[in-house]
PDB file of all heavy atoms in Angstrom:
ATOM      1  N   LEU A   1       0.818  -1.206   0.000  1.00  0.00           N
ATOM      2  CA  LEU A   1       0.000   0.000   0.000  1.00  0.00           C
ATOM      3  C   LEU A   1       0.857   1.263   0.000  1.00  0.00           C
ATOM      4  O   LEU A   1       0.520   2.249  -0.661  1.00  0.00           O
ATOM      5  CB  LEU A   1      -0.952  -0.013   1.196  1.00  0.00           C
ATOM      6  CG  LEU A   1      -1.950  -1.174   1.248  1.00  0.00           C
ATOM      7  CD1 LEU A   1      -3.019  -0.916   2.304  1.00  0.00           C
ATOM      8  CD2 LEU A   1      -2.609  -1.421  -0.094  1.00  0.00           C
ATOM      9  N   ALA A   2       1.955   1.239   0.733  1.00  0.00           N
ATOM     10  CA  ALA A   2       2.830   2.415   0.778  1.00  0.00           C
ATOM     11  C   ALA A   2       3.403   2.728  -0.596  1.00  0.00           C
ATOM     12  O   ALA A   2       3.412   3.892  -1.033  1.00  0.00           O
ATOM     13  CB  ALA A   2       3.950   2.196   1.794  1.00  0.00           C
ATOM     14  N   VAL A   3       3.907   1.705  -1.287  1.00  0.00           N
ATOM     15  CA  VAL A   3       4.512   1.982  -2.592  1.00  0.00           C
ATOM     16  C   VAL A   3       3.450   2.219  -3.658  1.00  0.00           C
ATOM     17  O   VAL A   3       3.715   2.883  -4.665  1.00  0.00           O
ATOM     18  CB  VAL A   3       5.491   0.866  -3.026  1.00  0.00           C
ATOM     19  CG1 VAL A   3       6.619   0.724  -2.026  1.00  0.00           C
ATOM     20  CG2 VAL A   3       4.783  -0.463  -3.244  1.00  0.00           C
ATOM     21  N   SER A   4       2.219   1.723  -3.446  1.00  0.00           N
ATOM     22  CA  SER A   4       1.131   2.054  -4.368  1.00  0.00           C
ATOM     23  C   SER A   4       0.881   3.563  -4.377  1.00  0.00           C
ATOM     24  O   SER A   4       0.512   4.130  -5.421  1.00  0.00           O
ATOM     25  CB  SER A   4      -0.152   1.321  -3.963  1.00  0.00           C
ATOM     26  OG  SER A   4      -0.055  -0.067  -4.218  1.00  0.00           O
ATOM     27  N   LYS A   5       1.089   4.190  -3.231  1.00  0.00           N
ATOM     28  CA  LYS A   5       0.944   5.651  -3.172  1.00  0.00           C
ATOM     29  C   LYS A   5       2.001   6.315  -4.050  1.00  0.00           C
ATOM     30  O   LYS A   5       1.712   7.293  -4.762  1.00  0.00           O
ATOM     31  CB  LYS A   5       1.065   6.132  -1.726  1.00  0.00           C
ATOM     32  CG  LYS A   5       0.685   7.596  -1.521  1.00  0.00           C
ATOM     33  CD  LYS A   5      -0.789   7.827  -1.772  1.00  0.00           C
ATOM     34  CE  LYS A   5      -1.209   9.243  -1.376  1.00  0.00           C
ATOM     35  NZ  LYS A   5      -2.663   9.466  -1.638  1.00  0.00           N
ATOM     36  N   LEU A   6       3.231   5.811  -4.021  1.00  0.00           N
ATOM     37  CA  LEU A   6       4.292   6.354  -4.879  1.00  0.00           C
ATOM     38  C   LEU A   6       3.978   6.132  -6.354  1.00  0.00           C
ATOM     39  O   LEU A   6       4.307   6.975  -7.197  1.00  0.00           O
ATOM     40  CB  LEU A   6       5.630   5.693  -4.540  1.00  0.00           C
ATOM     41  CG  LEU A   6       6.212   5.957  -3.152  1.00  0.00           C
ATOM     42  CD1 LEU A   6       7.449   5.104  -2.939  1.00  0.00           C
ATOM     43  CD2 LEU A   6       6.550   7.431  -2.959  1.00  0.00           C
ATOM     44  N   LEU A   7       3.346   5.006  -6.653  1.00  0.00           N
ATOM     45  CA  LEU A   7       3.000   4.677  -8.034  1.00  0.00           C
ATOM     46  C   LEU A   7       1.790   5.461  -8.537  1.00  0.00           C
ATOM     47  O   LEU A   7       1.445   5.377  -9.720  1.00  0.00           O
ATOM     48  CB  LEU A   7       2.721   3.178  -8.154  1.00  0.00           C
ATOM     49  CG  LEU A   7       3.933   2.253  -8.058  1.00  0.00           C
ATOM     50  CD1 LEU A   7       3.491   0.812  -7.797  1.00  0.00           C
ATOM     51  CD2 LEU A   7       4.783   2.336  -9.318  1.00  0.00           C
ATOM     52  N   LYS A   8       1.145   6.195  -7.613  1.00  0.00           N
ATOM     53  CA  LYS A   8      -0.066   6.959  -7.948  1.00  0.00           C
ATOM     54  C   LYS A   8      -1.166   6.038  -8.485  1.00  0.00           C
ATOM     55  O   LYS A   8      -1.900   6.381  -9.429  1.00  0.00           O
ATOM     56  CB  LYS A   8       0.249   8.087  -8.924  1.00  0.00           C
ATOM     57  CG  LYS A   8       1.240   9.114  -8.377  1.00  0.00           C
ATOM     58  CD  LYS A   8       1.556  10.213  -9.370  1.00  0.00           C
ATOM     59  CE  LYS A   8       2.362  11.340  -8.760  1.00  0.00           C
ATOM     60  NZ  LYS A   8       3.647  10.916  -8.184  1.00  0.00           N
ATOM     61  N   SER A   9      -1.264   4.872  -7.882  1.00  0.00           N
ATOM     62  CA  SER A   9      -2.288   3.906  -8.280  1.00  0.00           C
ATOM     63  C   SER A   9      -3.678   4.408  -7.914  1.00  0.00           C
ATOM     64  O   SER A   9      -3.849   5.182  -6.962  1.00  0.00           O
ATOM     65  CB  SER A   9      -2.038   2.560  -7.588  1.00  0.00           C
ATOM     66  OG  SER A   9      -0.797   2.008  -7.976  1.00  0.00           O
ATOM     67  N   SER A  10      -4.665   3.930  -8.652  1.00  0.00           N
ATOM     68  CA  SER A  10      -6.050   4.250  -8.330  1.00  0.00           C
ATOM     69  C   SER A  10      -6.487   3.450  -7.110  1.00  0.00           C
ATOM     70  O   SER A  10      -5.838   2.475  -6.708  1.00  0.00           O
ATOM     71  CB  SER A  10      -6.955   3.916  -9.513  1.00  0.00           C
ATOM     72  OG  SER A  10      -7.002   2.506  -9.706  1.00  0.00           O
ATOM     73  N   SER A  11      -7.635   3.832  -6.540  1.00  0.00           N
ATOM     74  CA  SER A  11      -8.159   3.096  -5.399  1.00  0.00           C
ATOM     75  C   SER A  11      -8.411   1.636  -5.755  1.00  0.00           C
ATOM     76  O   SER A  11      -8.133   0.730  -4.966  1.00  0.00           O
ATOM     77  CB  SER A  11      -9.449   3.762  -4.906  1.00  0.00           C
ATOM     78  OG  SER A  11      -9.943   3.104  -3.762  1.00  0.00           O
ATOM     79  N   GLU A  12      -8.911   1.386  -6.959  1.00  0.00           N
ATOM     80  CA  GLU A  12      -9.160   0.014  -7.397  1.00  0.00           C
ATOM     81  C   GLU A  12      -7.853  -0.760  -7.537  1.00  0.00           C
ATOM     82  O   GLU A  12      -7.753  -1.928  -7.126  1.00  0.00           O
ATOM     83  CB  GLU A  12      -9.913   0.014  -8.729  1.00  0.00           C
ATOM     84  CG  GLU A  12     -10.242  -1.387  -9.228  1.00  0.00           C
ATOM     85  CD  GLU A  12     -10.981  -1.386 -10.553  1.00  0.00           C
ATOM     86  OE1 GLU A  12     -11.183  -0.295 -11.128  1.00  0.00           O
ATOM     87  OE2 GLU A  12     -11.345  -2.485 -11.019  1.00  0.00           O
ATOM     88  N   GLN A  13      -6.826  -0.131  -8.091  1.00  0.00           N
ATOM     89  CA  GLN A  13      -5.531  -0.806  -8.228  1.00  0.00           C
ATOM     90  C   GLN A  13      -4.925  -1.111  -6.864  1.00  0.00           C
ATOM     91  O   GLN A  13      -4.311  -2.172  -6.669  1.00  0.00           O
ATOM     92  CB  GLN A  13      -4.584   0.074  -9.051  1.00  0.00           C
ATOM     93  CG  GLN A  13      -4.943   0.160 -10.525  1.00  0.00           C
ATOM     94  CD  GLN A  13      -4.163   1.236 -11.251  1.00  0.00           C
ATOM     95  OE1 GLN A  13      -3.782   2.251 -10.663  1.00  0.00           O
ATOM     96  NE2 GLN A  13      -3.923   1.024 -12.549  1.00  0.00           N
ATOM     97  N   ILE A  14      -5.088  -0.198  -5.927  1.00  0.00           N
ATOM     98  CA  ILE A  14      -4.557  -0.425  -4.575  1.00  0.00           C
ATOM     99  C   ILE A  14      -5.268  -1.604  -3.919  1.00  0.00           C
ATOM    100  O   ILE A  14      -4.646  -2.423  -3.226  1.00  0.00           O
ATOM    101  CB  ILE A  14      -4.677   0.857  -3.725  1.00  0.00           C
ATOM    102  CG1 ILE A  14      -3.868   1.995  -4.347  1.00  0.00           C
ATOM    103  CG2 ILE A  14      -4.198   0.595  -2.302  1.00  0.00           C
ATOM    104  CD1 ILE A  14      -4.105   3.351  -3.707  1.00  0.00           C
ATOM    105  N   THR A  15      -6.569  -1.710  -4.139  1.00  0.00           N
ATOM    106  CA  THR A  15      -7.311  -2.858  -3.609  1.00  0.00           C
ATOM    107  C   THR A  15      -6.749  -4.164  -4.153  1.00  0.00           C
ATOM    108  O   THR A  15      -6.562  -5.147  -3.417  1.00  0.00           O
ATOM    109  CB  THR A  15      -8.805  -2.745  -3.969  1.00  0.00           C
ATOM    110  OG1 THR A  15      -9.321  -1.504  -3.476  1.00  0.00           O
ATOM    111  CG2 THR A  15      -9.603  -3.892  -3.369  1.00  0.00           C
ATOM    112  N   HIS A  16      -6.470  -4.197  -5.456  1.00  0.00           N
ATOM    113  CA  HIS A  16      -5.895  -5.408  -6.055  1.00  0.00           C
ATOM    114  C   HIS A  16      -4.485  -5.675  -5.523  1.00  0.00           C
ATOM    115  O   HIS A  16      -4.103  -6.835  -5.307  1.00  0.00           O
ATOM    116  CB  HIS A  16      -5.880  -5.284  -7.576  1.00  0.00           C
ATOM    117  CG  HIS A  16      -7.239  -5.416  -8.204  1.00  0.00           C
ATOM    118  ND1 HIS A  16      -8.023  -6.530  -8.036  1.00  0.00           N
ATOM    119  CD2 HIS A  16      -7.957  -4.559  -8.988  1.00  0.00           C
ATOM    120  CE1 HIS A  16      -9.157  -6.388  -8.691  1.00  0.00           C
ATOM    121  NE2 HIS A  16      -9.148  -5.190  -9.280  1.00  0.00           N
ATOM    122  N   ALA A  17      -3.700  -4.620  -5.303  1.00  0.00           N
ATOM    123  CA  ALA A  17      -2.360  -4.805  -4.740  1.00  0.00           C
ATOM    124  C   ALA A  17      -2.444  -5.442  -3.367  1.00  0.00           C
ATOM    125  O   ALA A  17      -1.655  -6.335  -3.025  1.00  0.00           O
ATOM    126  CB  ALA A  17      -1.633  -3.457  -4.662  1.00  0.00           C
ATOM    127  N   LEU A  18      -3.419  -5.010  -2.562  1.00  0.00           N
ATOM    128  CA  LEU A  18      -3.592  -5.592  -1.236  1.00  0.00           C
ATOM    129  C   LEU A  18      -3.953  -7.064  -1.347  1.00  0.00           C
ATOM    130  O   LEU A  18      -3.418  -7.912  -0.613  1.00  0.00           O
ATOM    131  CB  LEU A  18      -4.676  -4.815  -0.482  1.00  0.00           C
ATOM    132  CG  LEU A  18      -4.738  -4.976   1.045  1.00  0.00           C
ATOM    133  CD1 LEU A  18      -5.551  -3.851   1.656  1.00  0.00           C
ATOM    134  CD2 LEU A  18      -5.308  -6.313   1.458  1.00  0.00           C
ATOM    135  N   GLY A  19      -4.854  -7.398  -2.280  1.00  0.00           N
ATOM    136  CA  GLY A  19      -5.219  -8.794  -2.457  1.00  0.00           C
ATOM    137  C   GLY A  19      -4.051  -9.653  -2.887  1.00  0.00           C
ATOM    138  O   GLY A  19      -3.853 -10.766  -2.383  1.00  0.00           O
ATOM    139  N   LEU A  20      -3.236  -9.139  -3.808  1.00  0.00           N
ATOM    140  CA  LEU A  20      -2.067  -9.885  -4.278  1.00  0.00           C
ATOM    141  C   LEU A  20      -1.032 -10.059  -3.164  1.00  0.00           C
ATOM    142  O   LEU A  20      -0.419 -11.125  -3.028  1.00  0.00           O
ATOM    143  CB  LEU A  20      -1.443  -9.170  -5.474  1.00  0.00           C
ATOM    144  CG  LEU A  20      -2.278  -9.168  -6.763  1.00  0.00           C
ATOM    145  CD1 LEU A  20      -1.691  -8.183  -7.770  1.00  0.00           C
ATOM    146  CD2 LEU A  20      -2.343 -10.570  -7.358  1.00  0.00           C
ATOM    147  N   ALA A  21      -0.820  -9.006  -2.383  1.00  0.00           N
ATOM    148  CA  ALA A  21       0.160  -9.088  -1.296  1.00  0.00           C
ATOM    149  C   ALA A  21      -0.325  -9.988  -0.171  1.00  0.00           C
ATOM    150  O   ALA A  21       0.457 -10.719   0.448  1.00  0.00           O
ATOM    151  CB  ALA A  21       0.458  -7.690  -0.763  1.00  0.00           C
ATOM    152  N   GLY A  22      -1.627  -9.944   0.103  1.00  0.00           N
ATOM    153  CA  GLY A  22      -2.159 -10.693   1.233  1.00  0.00           C
ATOM    154  C   GLY A  22      -2.332 -12.167   0.989  1.00  0.00           C
ATOM    155  O   GLY A  22      -2.226 -12.979   1.920  1.00  0.00           O
ATOM    156  N   VAL A  23      -2.567 -12.572  -0.265  1.00  0.00           N
ATOM    157  CA  VAL A  23      -2.931 -13.958  -0.521  1.00  0.00           C
ATOM    158  C   VAL A  23      -1.738 -14.910  -0.511  1.00  0.00           C
ATOM    159  O   VAL A  23      -1.902 -16.107  -0.233  1.00  0.00           O
ATOM    160  CB  VAL A  23      -3.681 -14.070  -1.871  1.00  0.00           C
ATOM    161  CG1 VAL A  23      -2.721 -13.965  -3.057  1.00  0.00           C
ATOM    162  CG2 VAL A  23      -4.498 -15.360  -1.932  1.00  0.00           C
ATOM    163  N   CYS A  24      -0.538 -14.420  -0.786  1.00  0.00           N
ATOM    164  CA  CYS A  24       0.585 -15.355  -0.993  1.00  0.00           C
ATOM    165  C   CYS A  24       1.800 -15.053  -0.114  1.00  0.00           C
ATOM    166  O   CYS A  24       2.897 -15.511  -0.403  1.00  0.00           O
ATOM    167  CB  CYS A  24       1.007 -15.334  -2.465  1.00  0.00           C
ATOM    168  SG  CYS A  24       1.490 -13.709  -3.061  1.00  0.00           S
ATOM    169  N   ASN A  25       1.621 -14.316   0.972  1.00  0.00           N
ATOM    170  CA  ASN A  25       2.770 -13.950   1.807  1.00  0.00           C
ATOM    171  C   ASN A  25       2.515 -14.229   3.282  1.00  0.00           C
ATOM    172  O   ASN A  25       2.808 -13.407   4.149  1.00  0.00           O
ATOM    173  CB  ASN A  25       3.109 -12.476   1.597  1.00  0.00           C
ATOM    174  CG  ASN A  25       3.647 -12.216   0.203  1.00  0.00           C
ATOM    175  OD1 ASN A  25       4.716 -12.686  -0.158  1.00  0.00           O
ATOM    176  ND2 ASN A  25       2.888 -11.478  -0.595  1.00  0.00           N
ATOM    177  N   ILE A  26       1.976 -15.399   3.577  1.00  0.00           N
ATOM    178  CA  ILE A  26       1.737 -15.814   4.965  1.00  0.00           C
ATOM    179  C   ILE A  26       3.020 -16.470   5.470  1.00  0.00           C
ATOM    180  O   ILE A  26       3.392 -17.560   5.031  1.00  0.00           O
ATOM    181  CB  ILE A  26       0.549 -16.783   5.069  1.00  0.00           C
ATOM    182  CG1 ILE A  26      -0.666 -16.242   4.309  1.00  0.00           C
ATOM    183  CG2 ILE A  26       0.226 -17.048   6.534  1.00  0.00           C
ATOM    184  CD1 ILE A  26      -1.127 -14.879   4.749  1.00  0.00           C
ATOM    185  N   ALA A  27       3.707 -15.800   6.369  1.00  0.00           N
ATOM    186  CA  ALA A  27       5.035 -16.236   6.819  1.00  0.00           C
ATOM    187  C   ALA A  27       4.947 -17.016   8.132  1.00  0.00           C
ATOM    188  O   ALA A  27       4.222 -16.615   9.053  1.00  0.00           O
ATOM    189  CB  ALA A  27       5.940 -15.019   6.993  1.00  0.00           C
ATOM    190  N   LEU A  28       5.694 -18.098   8.242  1.00  0.00           N
ATOM    191  CA  LEU A  28       5.685 -18.927   9.457  1.00  0.00           C
ATOM    192  C   LEU A  28       6.529 -18.299  10.560  1.00  0.00           C
ATOM    193  O   LEU A  28       7.602 -17.748  10.317  1.00  0.00           O
ATOM    194  CB  LEU A  28       6.226 -20.321   9.136  1.00  0.00           C
ATOM    195  CG  LEU A  28       5.461 -21.130   8.087  1.00  0.00           C
ATOM    196  CD1 LEU A  28       6.103 -22.502   7.931  1.00  0.00           C
ATOM    197  CD2 LEU A  28       3.989 -21.256   8.452  1.00  0.00           C
ATOM    198  N   ARG A  29       6.064 -18.451  11.778  1.00  0.00           N
ATOM    199  CA  ARG A  29       6.756 -17.900  12.948  1.00  0.00           C
ATOM    200  C   ARG A  29       8.041 -18.677  13.269  1.00  0.00           C
ATOM    201  O   ARG A  29       8.843 -18.228  14.099  1.00  0.00           O
ATOM    202  CB  ARG A  29       5.803 -17.942  14.143  1.00  0.00           C
ATOM    203  CG  ARG A  29       6.334 -17.311  15.411  1.00  0.00           C
ATOM    204  CD  ARG A  29       6.375 -15.818  15.362  1.00  0.00           C
ATOM    205  NE  ARG A  29       7.071 -15.275  16.522  1.00  0.00           N
ATOM    206  CZ  ARG A  29       7.321 -13.982  16.696  1.00  0.00           C
ATOM    207  NH1 ARG A  29       6.923 -13.109  15.808  1.00  0.00           N
ATOM    208  NH2 ARG A  29       7.965 -13.569  17.757  1.00  0.00           N
ATOM    209  N   GLN A  30       8.274 -19.785  12.621  1.00  0.00           N
ATOM    210  CA  GLN A  30       9.496 -20.555  12.845  1.00  0.00           C
ATOM    211  C   GLN A  30      10.744 -19.702  12.633  1.00  0.00           C
ATOM    212  O   GLN A  30      11.814 -19.995  13.176  1.00  0.00           O
ATOM    213  CB  GLN A  30       9.533 -21.765  11.919  1.00  0.00           C
ATOM    214  CG  GLN A  30      10.716 -22.697  12.143  1.00  0.00           C
ATOM    215  CD  GLN A  30      10.753 -23.290  13.539  1.00  0.00           C
ATOM    216  OE1 GLN A  30       9.706 -23.549  14.141  1.00  0.00           O
ATOM    217  NE2 GLN A  30      11.953 -23.496  14.080  1.00  0.00           N
TER     218      GLN A  30
END
């Protein structure tokens, strides 16, 4: 979301960026 602001993304694009970042970056506490 922070770099989406630098990219001047639209609100819709930022929503998609959040979905892409959130779906595949679940990190283990190990």
